Amino acid sequence: MPQYLLSVHTGEPQDVPSDESAARDQYQQMAALEEDMKSTGAWLFSGRLTDADVATVVRVSGGETFTTDGPFAESKEHLAGFYIVEADDLDAALGWATRTSAVIGMPIEVRPFFDTRS
C-alpha cells in the first residue's frame, strides 16, 4: 500500500491556540484523529518538532563540515511535525490531511514516498 508524508507547517503565532482551554480542546481533537488513523490502519508514525529557531543546519562543502544555527531558510512557515500514513491512493491521503488541517488550523503538505519495493 502506498505511503505518504503529511507534513504539518506552522506559521504566525495566531496559528497556535491562545488560551489553555482552546489548546486542551485541540489536543483532544488531535488525539481522537490519531486514534482514528490507528484504528483504520493508516497511521504508521508521527512526530512533533521543536521550534525552528533551535535547529542546526549541517552543510558539507569541499570536504569540510559547516554548521549554522537556525532554520535552513528564512520563512514565515516551518515544519512543525509530520505523519507517515498508508492509504489506498492520493485521494485517501488527502482525506487524512484535510481532517488534520481542520483540527489544527495549519497547512498540511502531502507527498508520496517512492515505492522502492518494486
C-alpha atoms as a PDB file:
ATOM      1  CA  MET A   1       0.000   0.000   0.000  1.00  0.00           C
ATOM      2  CA  PRO A   2       1.391   3.462  -0.830  1.00  0.00           C
ATOM      3  CA  GLN A   3       2.834   5.538   1.990  1.00  0.00           C
ATOM      4  CA  TYR A   4       2.529   9.311   2.304  1.00  0.00           C
ATOM      5  CA  LEU A   5       4.199  12.027   4.341  1.00  0.00           C
ATOM      6  CA  LEU A   6       1.741  14.525   5.792  1.00  0.00           C
ATOM      7  CA  SER A   7       3.938  17.410   6.865  1.00  0.00           C
ATOM      8  CA  VAL A   8       2.428  19.935   9.256  1.00  0.00           C
ATOM      9  CA  HIS A   9       3.521  23.521   8.742  1.00  0.00           C
ATOM     10  CA  THR A  10       3.262  26.225  11.364  1.00  0.00           C
ATOM     11  CA  GLY A  11       3.247  29.910  10.685  1.00  0.00           C
ATOM     12  CA  GLU A  12       2.457  33.062  12.544  1.00  0.00           C
ATOM     13  CA  PRO A  13       1.707  32.892  16.286  1.00  0.00           C
ATOM     14  CA  GLN A  14      -2.053  33.201  15.630  1.00  0.00           C
ATOM     15  CA  ASP A  15      -1.943  29.610  14.301  1.00  0.00           C
ATOM     16  CA  VAL A  16      -1.476  28.393  17.894  1.00  0.00           C
ATOM     17  CA  PRO A  17      -4.429  28.342  20.325  1.00  0.00           C
ATOM     18  CA  SER A  18      -4.202  31.421  22.516  1.00  0.00           C
ATOM     19  CA  ASP A  19      -5.698  30.056  25.723  1.00  0.00           C
ATOM     20  CA  GLU A  20      -5.373  26.871  27.746  1.00  0.00           C
ATOM     21  CA  SER A  21      -8.949  25.719  27.117  1.00  0.00           C
ATOM     22  CA  ALA A  22      -8.594  26.031  23.323  1.00  0.00           C
ATOM     23  CA  ALA A  23      -5.232  24.245  23.441  1.00  0.00           C
ATOM     24  CA  ARG A  24      -6.723  21.400  25.512  1.00  0.00           C
ATOM     25  CA  ASP A  25      -9.673  21.090  23.088  1.00  0.00           C
ATOM     26  CA  GLN A  26      -7.306  20.974  20.120  1.00  0.00           C
ATOM     27  CA  TYR A  27      -5.170  18.325  21.833  1.00  0.00           C
ATOM     28  CA  GLN A  28      -8.253  16.159  22.455  1.00  0.00           C
ATOM     29  CA  GLN A  29      -9.329  16.510  18.828  1.00  0.00           C
ATOM     30  CA  MET A  30      -5.838  15.521  17.652  1.00  0.00           C
ATOM     31  CA  ALA A  31      -5.828  12.502  19.971  1.00  0.00           C
ATOM     32  CA  ALA A  32      -9.185  11.392  18.530  1.00  0.00           C
ATOM     33  CA  LEU A  33      -7.959  11.871  14.953  1.00  0.00           C
ATOM     34  CA  GLU A  34      -4.770   9.901  15.653  1.00  0.00           C
ATOM     35  CA  GLU A  35      -6.801   7.099  17.253  1.00  0.00           C
ATOM     36  CA  ASP A  36      -8.979   7.010  14.132  1.00  0.00           C
ATOM     37  CA  MET A  37      -5.841   6.802  11.947  1.00  0.00           C
ATOM     38  CA  LYS A  38      -4.565   3.923  14.067  1.00  0.00           C
ATOM     39  CA  SER A  39      -7.873   2.038  14.147  1.00  0.00           C
ATOM     40  CA  THR A  40      -8.115   2.093  10.329  1.00  0.00           C
ATOM     41  CA  GLY A  41      -4.501   1.015   9.875  1.00  0.00           C
ATOM     42  CA  ALA A  42      -3.466   4.262   8.193  1.00  0.00           C
ATOM     43  CA  TRP A  43      -1.154   5.547  10.942  1.00  0.00           C
ATOM     44  CA  LEU A  44       2.454   4.343  10.781  1.00  0.00           C
ATOM     45  CA  PHE A  45       4.392   7.016  12.655  1.00  0.00           C
ATOM     46  CA  SER A  46       4.203  10.656  13.690  1.00  0.00           C
ATOM     47  CA  GLY A  47       6.393  13.226  15.343  1.00  0.00           C
ATOM     48  CA  ARG A  48       6.230  16.772  16.595  1.00  0.00           C
ATOM     49  CA  LEU A  49       9.240  19.036  16.246  1.00  0.00           C
ATOM     50  CA  THR A  50      10.637  21.780  18.450  1.00  0.00           C
ATOM     51  CA  ASP A  51      10.605  25.377  17.188  1.00  0.00           C
ATOM     52  CA  ALA A  52      12.699  26.086  14.091  1.00  0.00           C
ATOM     53  CA  ASP A  53      14.906  28.589  15.923  1.00  0.00           C
ATOM     54  CA  VAL A  54      16.632  25.722  17.776  1.00  0.00           C
ATOM     55  CA  ALA A  55      17.513  23.908  14.531  1.00  0.00           C
ATOM     56  CA  THR A  56      21.087  23.339  13.405  1.00  0.00           C
ATOM     57  CA  VAL A  57      21.849  23.195   9.687  1.00  0.00           C
ATOM     58  CA  VAL A  58      24.739  20.985   8.504  1.00  0.00           C
ATOM     59  CA  ARG A  59      26.446  21.543   5.159  1.00  0.00           C
ATOM     60  CA  VAL A  60      29.457  19.800   3.645  1.00  0.00           C
ATOM     61  CA  SER A  61      31.496  21.774   1.138  1.00  0.00           C
ATOM     62  CA  GLY A  62      34.941  20.854  -0.156  1.00  0.00           C
ATOM     63  CA  GLY A  63      35.165  18.035   2.352  1.00  0.00           C
ATOM     64  CA  GLU A  64      34.574  20.378   5.314  1.00  0.00           C
ATOM     65  CA  THR A  65      31.525  20.330   7.559  1.00  0.00           C
ATOM     66  CA  PHE A  66      29.854  23.633   8.404  1.00  0.00           C
ATOM     67  CA  THR A  67      27.058  24.134  10.918  1.00  0.00           C
ATOM     68  CA  THR A  68      24.825  27.161  11.399  1.00  0.00           C
ATOM     69  CA  ASP A  69      22.113  27.936  13.913  1.00  0.00           C
ATOM     70  CA  GLY A  70      18.502  28.315  12.949  1.00  0.00           C
ATOM     71  CA  PRO A  71      16.333  27.040  10.149  1.00  0.00           C
ATOM     72  CA  PHE A  72      17.656  26.190   6.689  1.00  0.00           C
ATOM     73  CA  ALA A  73      15.693  29.056   5.111  1.00  0.00           C
ATOM     74  CA  GLU A  74      14.104  32.201   6.497  1.00  0.00           C
ATOM     75  CA  SER A  75      10.374  31.706   6.187  1.00  0.00           C
ATOM     76  CA  LYS A  76       7.108  32.545   7.895  1.00  0.00           C
ATOM     77  CA  GLU A  77       6.251  28.839   7.853  1.00  0.00           C
ATOM     78  CA  HIS A  78       8.316  25.961   9.226  1.00  0.00           C
ATOM     79  CA  LEU A  79       7.916  22.233   9.508  1.00  0.00           C
ATOM     80  CA  ALA A  80       6.247  21.595  12.861  1.00  0.00           C
ATOM     81  CA  GLY A  81       5.634  17.869  12.686  1.00  0.00           C
ATOM     82  CA  PHE A  82       4.577  15.035  10.447  1.00  0.00           C
ATOM     83  CA  TYR A  83       2.580  11.865   9.983  1.00  0.00           C
ATOM     84  CA  ILE A  84       3.527   8.888   7.879  1.00  0.00           C
ATOM     85  CA  VAL A  85       0.382   7.126   6.728  1.00  0.00           C
ATOM     86  CA  GLU A  86      -0.596   4.293   4.434  1.00  0.00           C
ATOM     87  CA  ALA A  87      -3.500   4.994   2.122  1.00  0.00           C
ATOM     88  CA  ASP A  88      -5.058   3.286  -0.879  1.00  0.00           C
ATOM     89  CA  ASP A  89      -4.342   6.318  -3.048  1.00  0.00           C
ATOM     90  CA  LEU A  90      -3.627  10.047  -3.041  1.00  0.00           C
ATOM     91  CA  ASP A  91      -7.298  10.896  -2.510  1.00  0.00           C
ATOM     92  CA  ALA A  92      -7.360   8.863   0.712  1.00  0.00           C
ATOM     93  CA  ALA A  93      -4.134  10.551   1.909  1.00  0.00           C
ATOM     94  CA  LEU A  94      -5.658  13.958   1.095  1.00  0.00           C
ATOM     95  CA  GLY A  95      -8.641  12.971   3.223  1.00  0.00           C
ATOM     96  CA  TRP A  96      -6.378  12.443   6.242  1.00  0.00           C
ATOM     97  CA  ALA A  97      -4.602  15.732   5.503  1.00  0.00           C
ATOM     98  CA  THR A  98      -7.935  17.556   5.306  1.00  0.00           C
ATOM     99  CA  ARG A  99      -9.049  16.203   8.656  1.00  0.00           C
ATOM    100  CA  THR A 100      -5.690  17.049  10.235  1.00  0.00           C
ATOM    101  CA  SER A 101      -5.684  20.591   8.865  1.00  0.00           C
ATOM    102  CA  ALA A 102      -9.258  21.132  10.079  1.00  0.00           C
ATOM    103  CA  VAL A 103      -8.264  20.167  13.630  1.00  0.00           C
ATOM    104  CA  ILE A 104      -5.045  22.137  13.921  1.00  0.00           C
ATOM    105  CA  GLY A 105      -5.754  25.018  11.542  1.00  0.00           C
ATOM    106  CA  MET A 106      -2.402  24.698   9.794  1.00  0.00           C
ATOM    107  CA  PRO A 107      -1.481  23.726   6.238  1.00  0.00           C
ATOM    108  CA  ILE A 108      -0.564  20.106   5.526  1.00  0.00           C
ATOM    109  CA  GLU A 109       1.685  19.136   2.624  1.00  0.00           C
ATOM    110  CA  VAL A 110       1.068  15.637   1.243  1.00  0.00           C
ATOM    111  CA  ARG A 111       3.889  13.821  -0.549  1.00  0.00           C
ATOM    112  CA  PRO A 112       4.085  10.183  -1.578  1.00  0.00           C
ATOM    113  CA  PHE A 113       7.162   8.126  -0.811  1.00  0.00           C
ATOM    114  CA  PHE A 114       8.980   6.481  -3.697  1.00  0.00           C
ATOM    115  CA  ASP A 115       7.975   2.842  -3.870  1.00  0.00           C
ATOM    116  CA  THR A 116      11.275   1.003  -3.532  1.00  0.00           C
ATOM    117  CA  ARG A 117       9.650  -2.417  -3.082  1.00  0.00           C
ATOM    118  CA  SER A 118       9.150  -2.953  -6.824  1.00  0.00           C
END
